[in-house]
Amino acid sequence: MNLPLRIARRYLFAKKSTNAINLITGIAVFGICLGTAALVLILSVFNGFEDLITSMYSNFDPDVKITPMQGKTFEVDSATLQQLRDVDGVAIVSETLEEVAFFEYKDNQDFGTLKGVDENWVLVTRMDSTVREGQFELLQGDRQMAVLGLGMRNKLGVNVEDVFTGIGVYMPKRQEVGMFEQQFRKRTVYPAGTFVIQQEFNNQYVITSLEFARQLLGTRDRSSALEFKLSPASEAQQRNIIEQIQSIMGPEYEVKNRYQQEETFMRLMQMEKWLSYAIVSLMMLLVAFNMVGALWMVVLEKKKDIAILKSMGALDSSIRNIFLNEGFLLCASGVVAGFLLALITYWLQITFGIVRIPGNFVVDAYPVSIRLIDFVIVALTVISIGVLASVPPALRAKRISSIIREE
């Protein structure tokens, strides 16, 4: 162990001549402890929400999605589909067709998004696990069925248990029609169940069979997207699979992974996360003033020790390093205590849910998720602030003369 660090450790734990120094030092360490715990917990809460929302989106969003760069729909021949299915790492490929439609149930009407899916889609996503009423069923004999988002069910006042009342679905005809002809195609679909994922999806989507959606749009083989389920693979392998899919489809199509499908929302969450982190880090700068005061008082108390060390040949850089090391040790003590406090709070939250979410949310308590990288980031942030706060007292100690003047 080098000499400045050894002396700094002795100064840290040695009894001070003035109780005020002990008190100010204790307050500084306590402030660093609370700041460290707050930083870890802020990151943990945002991680928890990120994991929760990602899992909610994963019930609806596929691993990979292909959409056309121009236009709403496209047609894929059977040879291309087979090529996509033969890509190493692709487990299932599903065709889907989305379009805005007008829905009518008894006396209620509203607009929403009709999504027609084939029989593979339920294997690509985990939609069957999100059904809260009825069941996920799109065909019952010759009868076309639909699964509605909770918001759509509420807006239309749909009774899932009423098997005799259908939902009228209207779609404008794409080709020109005569003045006295019907401007809209109408088909009837019967409610089979209600799903609950996320408010955006709940208030917008009605899921039907691909055949029903194509009949309503008056198209035979067109789709608005191809959705993929991939075999378990590493991030690098997934990137390679996406590159192969893109090369098959060509530049006229956009291939997105799960993150890119909700990129705007995810970026917003990341921005909020790091902005909150920055605000608490700025608060840590205020806490650092306590540490500056504590170290400054230690410097004044140890003036004689510093003069003696200098008269024995200690360099100015060595004196400076003593107090930089003491600042580092003060911070390190606060960081360790803060990590312990954060871990205890984390355990209490996941075990007892001590901080609840008011209102009707999918979970009762704030979700938390601790990651190792968060501890590294917080430790580097807090210790950097602490070392910077140690610089003024360390420079003051360096300027103390080696001549002791008795007053």
Protein backbone atom coordinates (compact mmCIF):
# COMPACT_ATOMS: atom_id res chain seq x y z
CA MET A 1 0.00 0.00 0.00
CA ASN A 2 1.42 3.43 -0.91
CA LEU A 3 2.10 5.94 1.86
CA PRO A 4 -0.48 8.66 0.91
CA LEU A 5 -3.29 6.07 0.87
CA ARG A 6 -2.15 4.64 4.21
CA ILE A 7 -2.07 8.07 5.87
CA ALA A 8 -5.46 8.94 4.29
CA ARG A 9 -6.98 5.79 5.76
CA ARG A 10 -5.58 6.67 9.19
CA TYR A 11 -6.96 10.21 9.00
CA LEU A 12 -10.37 8.85 7.98
CA PHE A 13 -10.80 6.51 10.94
CA ALA A 14 -8.76 8.40 13.56
CA LYS A 15 -10.60 10.37 16.22
CA LYS A 16 -10.82 14.07 15.37
CA SER A 17 -10.00 16.80 17.89
CA THR A 18 -13.27 18.58 17.14
CA ASN A 19 -16.62 16.79 17.17
CA ALA A 20 -17.90 19.10 14.44
CA ILE A 21 -15.47 17.47 11.99
CA ASN A 22 -16.85 14.01 12.84
CA LEU A 23 -20.39 15.31 12.43
CA ILE A 24 -19.75 16.97 9.06
CA THR A 25 -17.89 13.89 7.80
CA GLY A 26 -20.76 11.64 8.89
CA ILE A 27 -23.30 13.89 7.13
CA ALA A 28 -21.19 13.82 3.95
CA VAL A 29 -20.99 10.00 3.95
CA PHE A 30 -24.72 9.73 4.73
CA GLY A 31 -25.55 12.09 1.85
CA ILE A 32 -23.39 10.06 -0.55
CA CYS A 33 -25.07 6.87 0.71
CA LEU A 34 -28.58 8.23 0.04
CA GLY A 35 -27.57 9.67 -3.34
CA THR A 36 -26.01 6.38 -4.41
CA ALA A 37 -29.08 4.39 -3.34
CA ALA A 38 -31.34 6.87 -5.16
CA LEU A 39 -29.34 6.55 -8.39
CA VAL A 40 -29.42 2.75 -8.27
CA LEU A 41 -33.15 2.65 -7.48
CA ILE A 42 -34.03 5.15 -10.24
CA LEU A 43 -32.23 3.00 -12.80
CA SER A 44 -33.85 -0.13 -11.32
CA VAL A 45 -37.39 1.28 -11.60
CA PHE A 46 -36.84 2.32 -15.22
CA ASN A 47 -35.32 -1.11 -15.93
CA GLY A 48 -38.39 -2.70 -14.34
CA PHE A 49 -40.79 -0.66 -16.48
CA GLU A 50 -38.68 -1.38 -19.57
CA ASP A 51 -38.81 -5.14 -18.91
CA LEU A 52 -42.54 -4.99 -18.16
CA ILE A 53 -43.43 -2.99 -21.27
CA THR A 54 -41.10 -5.07 -23.46
CA SER A 55 -42.83 -8.23 -22.24
CA MET A 56 -46.24 -6.64 -22.90
CA TYR A 57 -45.21 -5.60 -26.42
CA SER A 58 -43.69 -9.03 -27.05
CA ASN A 59 -47.19 -10.51 -26.72
CA PHE A 60 -48.18 -8.55 -29.82
CA ASP A 61 -44.97 -7.67 -31.67
CA PRO A 62 -43.07 -10.48 -33.45
CA ASP A 63 -39.30 -11.02 -33.28
CA VAL A 64 -38.95 -9.66 -36.84
CA LYS A 65 -41.43 -7.81 -39.05
CA ILE A 66 -41.30 -7.06 -42.80
CA THR A 67 -43.29 -4.12 -44.20
CA PRO A 68 -43.15 -2.42 -47.61
CA MET A 69 -41.20 0.83 -47.92
CA GLN A 70 -43.96 2.26 -50.12
CA GLY A 71 -47.66 1.53 -50.01
CA LYS A 72 -49.65 -0.40 -47.44
CA THR A 73 -49.81 -3.90 -48.89
CA PHE A 74 -47.70 -6.22 -51.02
CA GLU A 75 -47.85 -9.69 -52.50
CA VAL A 76 -45.24 -12.35 -51.79
CA ASP A 77 -45.01 -15.39 -54.03
CA SER A 78 -44.77 -18.89 -52.59
CA ALA A 79 -41.13 -19.29 -53.70
CA THR A 80 -40.03 -16.21 -51.71
CA LEU A 81 -42.01 -17.38 -48.70
CA GLN A 82 -40.27 -20.74 -48.85
CA GLN A 83 -36.88 -19.01 -49.07
CA LEU A 84 -37.71 -17.04 -45.92
CA ARG A 85 -38.83 -20.18 -44.09
CA ASP A 86 -35.57 -21.92 -45.09
CA VAL A 87 -33.36 -19.22 -43.49
CA ASP A 88 -31.42 -20.82 -40.64
CA GLY A 89 -32.87 -19.43 -37.40
CA VAL A 90 -36.38 -18.67 -38.72
CA ALA A 91 -38.90 -20.82 -36.84
CA ILE A 92 -42.29 -19.57 -38.12
CA VAL A 93 -43.47 -17.06 -40.74
CA SER A 94 -46.94 -15.51 -40.56
CA GLU A 95 -48.84 -13.28 -43.00
CA THR A 96 -50.95 -10.41 -41.61
CA LEU A 97 -53.14 -7.69 -43.10
CA GLU A 98 -53.99 -4.44 -41.27
CA GLU A 99 -56.39 -1.66 -42.21
CA VAL A 100 -58.50 0.97 -40.50
CA ALA A 101 -62.18 -0.07 -40.42
CA PHE A 102 -65.51 1.11 -39.06
CA PHE A 103 -67.16 -1.14 -36.48
CA GLU A 104 -70.80 -1.29 -35.43
CA TYR A 105 -72.30 -3.28 -32.57
CA LYS A 106 -75.97 -2.74 -31.74
CA ASP A 107 -76.25 1.07 -31.30
CA ASN A 108 -72.50 1.72 -30.88
CA GLN A 109 -70.05 2.64 -33.63
CA ASP A 110 -66.35 3.45 -33.67
CA PHE A 111 -63.25 3.34 -35.83
CA GLY A 112 -60.42 0.91 -35.12
CA THR A 113 -57.75 -1.21 -36.74
CA LEU A 114 -58.76 -4.55 -38.23
CA LYS A 115 -55.88 -7.02 -38.19
CA GLY A 116 -56.29 -10.23 -40.16
CA VAL A 117 -53.87 -13.01 -39.20
CA ASP A 118 -53.22 -16.51 -40.43
CA GLU A 119 -53.15 -19.67 -38.33
CA ASN A 120 -49.40 -19.30 -37.59
CA TRP A 121 -49.71 -15.88 -35.97
CA VAL A 122 -50.68 -17.16 -32.54
CA LEU A 123 -47.42 -19.17 -32.57
CA VAL A 124 -45.36 -16.12 -33.65
CA THR A 125 -46.75 -14.02 -30.77
CA ARG A 126 -48.15 -14.91 -27.36
CA MET A 127 -51.59 -13.42 -27.88
CA ASP A 128 -53.43 -16.41 -26.44
CA SER A 129 -51.86 -15.63 -23.04
CA THR A 130 -53.36 -12.11 -23.04
CA VAL A 131 -57.02 -13.16 -23.39
CA ARG A 132 -59.08 -12.06 -20.35
CA GLU A 133 -62.60 -12.96 -21.56
CA GLY A 134 -63.67 -15.81 -23.79
CA GLN A 135 -60.95 -17.44 -25.86
CA PHE A 136 -58.60 -16.76 -28.76
CA GLU A 137 -60.61 -18.21 -31.64
CA LEU A 138 -60.87 -16.78 -35.17
CA LEU A 139 -62.95 -19.46 -36.88
CA GLN A 140 -65.81 -21.51 -35.48
CA GLY A 141 -66.98 -23.82 -38.21
CA ASP A 142 -68.11 -21.47 -41.01
CA ARG A 143 -68.47 -18.57 -38.60
CA GLN A 144 -65.86 -15.78 -38.60
CA MET A 145 -64.82 -14.80 -35.06
CA ALA A 146 -62.88 -11.84 -33.64
CA VAL A 147 -60.83 -11.08 -30.54
CA LEU A 148 -61.12 -7.44 -29.44
CA GLY A 149 -58.86 -5.23 -27.39
CA LEU A 150 -60.37 -4.31 -24.03
CA GLY A 151 -60.72 -0.65 -25.08
CA MET A 152 -62.53 -1.55 -28.30
CA ARG A 153 -64.83 -3.91 -26.42
CA ASN A 154 -65.72 -1.12 -23.98
CA LYS A 155 -66.25 1.50 -26.71
CA LEU A 156 -68.56 -0.78 -28.69
CA GLY A 157 -70.22 -2.27 -25.61
CA VAL A 158 -69.60 -5.81 -26.87
CA ASN A 159 -70.94 -8.74 -24.85
CA VAL A 160 -68.55 -11.64 -25.52
CA GLU A 161 -71.07 -14.12 -24.12
CA ASP A 162 -73.75 -13.06 -26.61
CA VAL A 163 -73.21 -15.57 -29.44
CA PHE A 164 -76.11 -14.28 -31.54
CA THR A 165 -75.15 -10.63 -32.03
CA GLY A 166 -72.41 -9.93 -34.54
CA ILE A 167 -70.15 -6.93 -35.09
CA GLY A 168 -70.65 -5.17 -38.42
CA VAL A 169 -67.32 -4.28 -40.06
CA TYR A 170 -67.29 -1.67 -42.85
CA MET A 171 -64.47 -1.03 -45.31
CA PRO A 172 -64.56 1.45 -48.25
CA LYS A 173 -64.30 -0.16 -51.69
CA ARG A 174 -60.99 0.55 -53.39
CA GLN A 175 -62.28 0.56 -56.98
CA GLU A 176 -64.61 3.17 -58.38
CA VAL A 177 -68.31 2.50 -57.77
CA GLY A 178 -71.45 3.94 -59.30
CA MET A 179 -73.49 6.66 -57.67
CA PHE A 180 -76.19 4.26 -56.54
CA GLU A 181 -73.89 1.42 -55.50
CA GLN A 182 -72.79 0.72 -51.95
CA GLN A 183 -69.61 2.66 -51.13
CA PHE A 184 -68.60 0.21 -48.40
CA ARG A 185 -68.15 -3.52 -48.08
CA LYS A 186 -69.78 -4.95 -45.00
CA ARG A 187 -69.04 -8.24 -43.29
CA THR A 188 -70.17 -9.59 -39.95
CA VAL A 189 -67.85 -11.11 -37.36
CA TYR A 190 -68.77 -12.55 -33.95
CA PRO A 191 -66.89 -11.74 -30.72
CA ALA A 192 -64.90 -14.64 -29.30
CA GLY A 193 -62.82 -12.95 -26.62
CA THR A 194 -61.10 -9.86 -25.23
CA PHE A 195 -57.34 -9.32 -24.91
CA VAL A 196 -55.42 -6.96 -22.62
CA ILE A 197 -51.88 -5.91 -23.55
CA GLN A 198 -51.20 -2.19 -23.55
CA GLN A 199 -53.56 0.75 -23.82
CA GLU A 200 -52.48 1.64 -27.37
CA PHE A 201 -53.31 -1.87 -28.62
CA ASN A 202 -56.36 -2.35 -26.38
CA ASN A 203 -58.07 0.78 -27.71
CA GLN A 204 -57.30 0.13 -31.36
CA TYR A 205 -57.18 -3.49 -32.50
CA VAL A 206 -59.72 -6.11 -33.51
CA ILE A 207 -58.08 -9.41 -34.50
CA THR A 208 -59.76 -11.56 -37.17
CA SER A 209 -58.71 -14.25 -39.62
CA LEU A 210 -56.60 -13.28 -42.64
CA GLU A 211 -59.29 -14.67 -44.94
CA PHE A 212 -61.93 -12.37 -43.40
CA ALA A 213 -59.69 -9.28 -43.74
CA ARG A 214 -58.89 -10.10 -47.39
CA GLN A 215 -62.57 -10.57 -48.22
CA LEU A 216 -63.37 -7.22 -46.65
CA LEU A 217 -60.61 -5.44 -48.56
CA GLY A 218 -61.48 -7.22 -51.79
CA THR A 219 -58.02 -8.70 -52.23
CA ARG A 220 -56.98 -12.31 -52.59
CA ASP A 221 -53.27 -12.70 -51.81
CA ARG A 222 -52.00 -9.38 -50.47
CA SER A 223 -50.55 -8.76 -47.00
CA SER A 224 -49.43 -5.69 -45.08
CA ALA A 225 -46.66 -7.49 -43.16
CA LEU A 226 -44.77 -10.74 -42.73
CA GLU A 227 -44.10 -11.55 -39.09
CA PHE A 228 -41.40 -13.94 -37.90
CA LYS A 229 -40.67 -16.00 -34.83
CA LEU A 230 -36.95 -16.76 -34.53
CA SER A 231 -35.29 -19.70 -32.85
CA PRO A 232 -33.39 -18.82 -29.64
CA ALA A 233 -30.20 -17.07 -30.74
CA SER A 234 -27.63 -14.53 -29.62
CA GLU A 235 -27.84 -10.87 -30.62
CA ALA A 236 -25.16 -11.32 -33.27
CA GLN A 237 -26.95 -14.35 -34.74
CA GLN A 238 -30.25 -12.41 -34.84
CA ARG A 239 -28.54 -9.58 -36.73
CA ASN A 240 -27.23 -12.14 -39.22
CA ILE A 241 -30.73 -13.62 -39.67
CA ILE A 242 -32.20 -10.15 -40.28
CA GLU A 243 -29.48 -9.43 -42.88
CA GLN A 244 -30.35 -12.66 -44.71
CA ILE A 245 -34.06 -11.79 -44.66
CA GLN A 246 -33.29 -8.30 -45.97
CA SER A 247 -31.17 -9.70 -48.81
CA ILE A 248 -34.04 -12.01 -49.87
CA MET A 249 -36.67 -9.25 -49.75
CA GLY A 250 -34.53 -6.50 -51.27
CA PRO A 251 -34.39 -2.73 -50.60
CA GLU A 252 -38.10 -2.22 -51.32
CA TYR A 253 -38.92 -3.73 -47.92
CA GLU A 254 -38.12 -2.72 -44.35
CA VAL A 255 -37.05 -5.43 -41.90
CA LYS A 256 -37.36 -4.48 -38.23
CA ASN A 257 -36.47 -6.31 -35.04
CA ARG A 258 -38.68 -6.06 -31.94
CA TYR A 259 -36.95 -2.93 -30.59
CA GLN A 260 -37.18 -1.11 -33.93
CA GLN A 261 -40.92 -1.82 -34.15
CA GLU A 262 -41.44 0.36 -31.04
CA GLU A 263 -38.30 2.47 -31.45
CA THR A 264 -39.91 5.85 -30.71
CA PHE A 265 -41.42 4.68 -27.43
CA MET A 266 -38.25 2.88 -26.33
CA ARG A 267 -36.09 5.91 -27.10
CA LEU A 268 -38.43 8.10 -25.08
CA MET A 269 -38.14 5.72 -22.12
CA GLN A 270 -34.35 5.74 -22.37
CA MET A 271 -34.34 9.54 -22.53
CA GLU A 272 -36.52 9.77 -19.41
CA LYS A 273 -34.32 7.25 -17.63
CA TRP A 274 -31.04 9.09 -18.22
CA LEU A 275 -32.59 12.52 -17.66
CA SER A 276 -33.78 11.39 -14.21
CA TYR A 277 -30.32 9.97 -13.57
CA ALA A 278 -28.71 13.29 -14.56
CA ILE A 279 -31.02 15.26 -12.22
CA VAL A 280 -30.12 13.07 -9.23
CA SER A 281 -26.42 13.28 -10.21
CA LEU A 282 -26.68 17.08 -10.07
CA MET A 283 -28.14 16.73 -6.57
CA MET A 284 -25.06 14.70 -5.70
CA LEU A 285 -22.95 17.77 -6.55
CA LEU A 286 -24.74 19.62 -3.75
CA VAL A 287 -23.98 16.75 -1.38
CA ALA A 288 -20.34 17.03 -2.44
CA PHE A 289 -20.13 20.48 -0.81
CA ASN A 290 -20.47 18.74 2.58
CA MET A 291 -17.48 16.60 1.69
CA VAL A 292 -15.49 19.68 0.65
CA GLY A 293 -16.23 21.22 4.07
CA ALA A 294 -15.29 18.04 5.93
CA LEU A 295 -11.98 17.62 4.07
CA TRP A 296 -11.17 21.32 4.43
CA MET A 297 -11.55 21.08 8.21
CA VAL A 298 -9.37 17.97 8.26
CA VAL A 299 -6.69 19.91 6.34
CA LEU A 300 -6.81 22.73 8.90
CA GLU A 301 -6.65 20.23 11.76
CA LYS A 302 -3.64 18.41 10.26
CA LYS A 303 -1.57 21.50 9.43
CA LYS A 304 1.15 20.50 11.87
CA ASP A 305 1.22 16.93 10.52
CA ILE A 306 1.55 18.27 6.98
CA ALA A 307 4.39 20.62 7.99
CA ILE A 308 6.21 17.73 9.69
CA LEU A 309 5.77 15.48 6.65
CA LYS A 310 7.14 18.22 4.39
CA SER A 311 10.10 18.84 6.67
CA MET A 312 10.84 15.08 6.49
CA GLY A 313 10.96 15.31 2.66
CA ALA A 314 7.41 14.64 1.58
CA LEU A 315 6.67 16.13 -1.84
CA ASP A 316 3.76 18.52 -2.51
CA SER A 317 2.24 15.84 -4.78
CA SER A 318 2.33 13.33 -1.90
CA ILE A 319 0.50 15.75 0.43
CA ARG A 320 -2.06 16.40 -2.30
CA ASN A 321 -2.57 12.67 -2.86
CA ILE A 322 -3.23 12.09 0.86
CA PHE A 323 -6.38 14.21 0.73
CA LEU A 324 -7.42 13.02 -2.73
CA ASN A 325 -7.24 9.48 -1.34
CA GLU A 326 -9.22 10.51 1.73
CA GLY A 327 -11.92 11.94 -0.53
CA PHE A 328 -11.91 8.68 -2.50
CA LEU A 329 -12.25 6.63 0.72
CA LEU A 330 -15.10 8.84 1.95
CA CYS A 331 -16.91 8.32 -1.36
CA ALA A 332 -16.19 4.61 -1.46
CA SER A 333 -17.67 4.23 2.07
CA GLY A 334 -20.80 6.09 0.99
CA VAL A 335 -21.08 4.07 -2.24
CA VAL A 336 -20.84 0.71 -0.43
CA ALA A 337 -23.42 1.81 2.16
CA GLY A 338 -25.64 3.12 -0.65
CA PHE A 339 -25.44 -0.15 -2.56
CA LEU A 340 -26.46 -2.07 0.57
CA LEU A 341 -29.38 0.32 1.17
CA ALA A 342 -30.47 -0.02 -2.48
CA LEU A 343 -30.33 -3.84 -2.32
CA ILE A 344 -32.38 -3.91 0.89
CA THR A 345 -34.99 -1.57 -0.65
CA TYR A 346 -35.04 -3.69 -3.83
CA TRP A 347 -35.66 -6.86 -1.80
CA LEU A 348 -38.47 -5.19 0.16
CA GLN A 349 -40.08 -3.96 -3.07
CA ILE A 350 -40.05 -7.32 -4.89
CA THR A 351 -41.09 -9.20 -1.73
CA PHE A 352 -43.71 -6.91 -0.17
CA GLY A 353 -44.34 -4.25 -2.86
CA ILE A 354 -43.78 -1.37 -0.42
CA VAL A 355 -44.31 1.32 -3.11
CA ARG A 356 -47.68 0.80 -4.83
CA ILE A 357 -48.96 2.12 -8.16
CA PRO A 358 -52.27 3.96 -7.75
CA GLY A 359 -55.12 3.31 -10.16
CA ASN A 360 -55.84 0.40 -12.48
CA PHE A 361 -52.45 -0.68 -13.82
CA VAL A 362 -51.32 -4.12 -14.97
CA VAL A 363 -49.17 -4.46 -11.82
CA ASP A 364 -49.91 -3.33 -8.26
CA ALA A 365 -46.40 -2.22 -7.26
CA TYR A 366 -43.59 -0.44 -9.09
CA PRO A 367 -41.55 -3.03 -11.04
CA VAL A 368 -37.83 -3.04 -10.30
CA SER A 369 -34.94 -4.79 -12.02
CA ILE A 370 -31.33 -4.48 -10.90
CA ARG A 371 -28.52 -4.89 -13.44
CA LEU A 372 -24.80 -5.19 -12.74
CA ILE A 373 -23.92 -2.44 -15.22
CA ASP A 374 -26.01 0.01 -13.15
CA PHE A 375 -23.74 -0.50 -10.15
CA VAL A 376 -20.67 0.17 -12.28
CA ILE A 377 -22.18 3.37 -13.77
CA VAL A 378 -23.32 4.67 -10.37
CA ALA A 379 -19.98 3.87 -8.70
CA LEU A 380 -18.04 5.68 -11.43
CA THR A 381 -20.40 8.69 -11.26
CA VAL A 382 -20.35 9.08 -7.47
CA ILE A 383 -16.63 8.46 -7.05
CA SER A 384 -15.84 10.91 -9.87
CA ILE A 385 -17.94 13.58 -8.12
CA GLY A 386 -16.22 12.76 -4.82
CA VAL A 387 -12.72 12.97 -6.23
CA LEU A 388 -13.53 16.31 -7.89
CA ALA A 389 -14.84 17.58 -4.55
CA SER A 390 -11.53 16.53 -2.95
CA VAL A 391 -9.43 18.67 -5.30
CA PRO A 392 -9.84 22.10 -3.54
CA PRO A 393 -8.90 20.79 -0.04
CA ALA A 394 -6.03 18.75 -1.55
CA LEU A 395 -4.61 21.82 -3.30
CA ARG A 396 -4.97 23.81 -0.07
CA ALA A 397 -3.01 21.13 1.81
CA LYS A 398 -0.29 21.23 -0.84
CA ARG A 399 0.28 24.94 -0.20
CA ILE A 400 0.83 24.58 3.57
CA SER A 401 4.37 25.59 4.54
CA SER A 402 6.82 23.18 6.13
CA ILE A 403 7.64 25.80 8.78
CA ILE A 404 5.49 25.50 11.89
CA ARG A 405 4.67 28.86 13.41
CA GLU A 406 3.62 28.84 17.04
CA GLU A 407 0.93 31.43 17.79
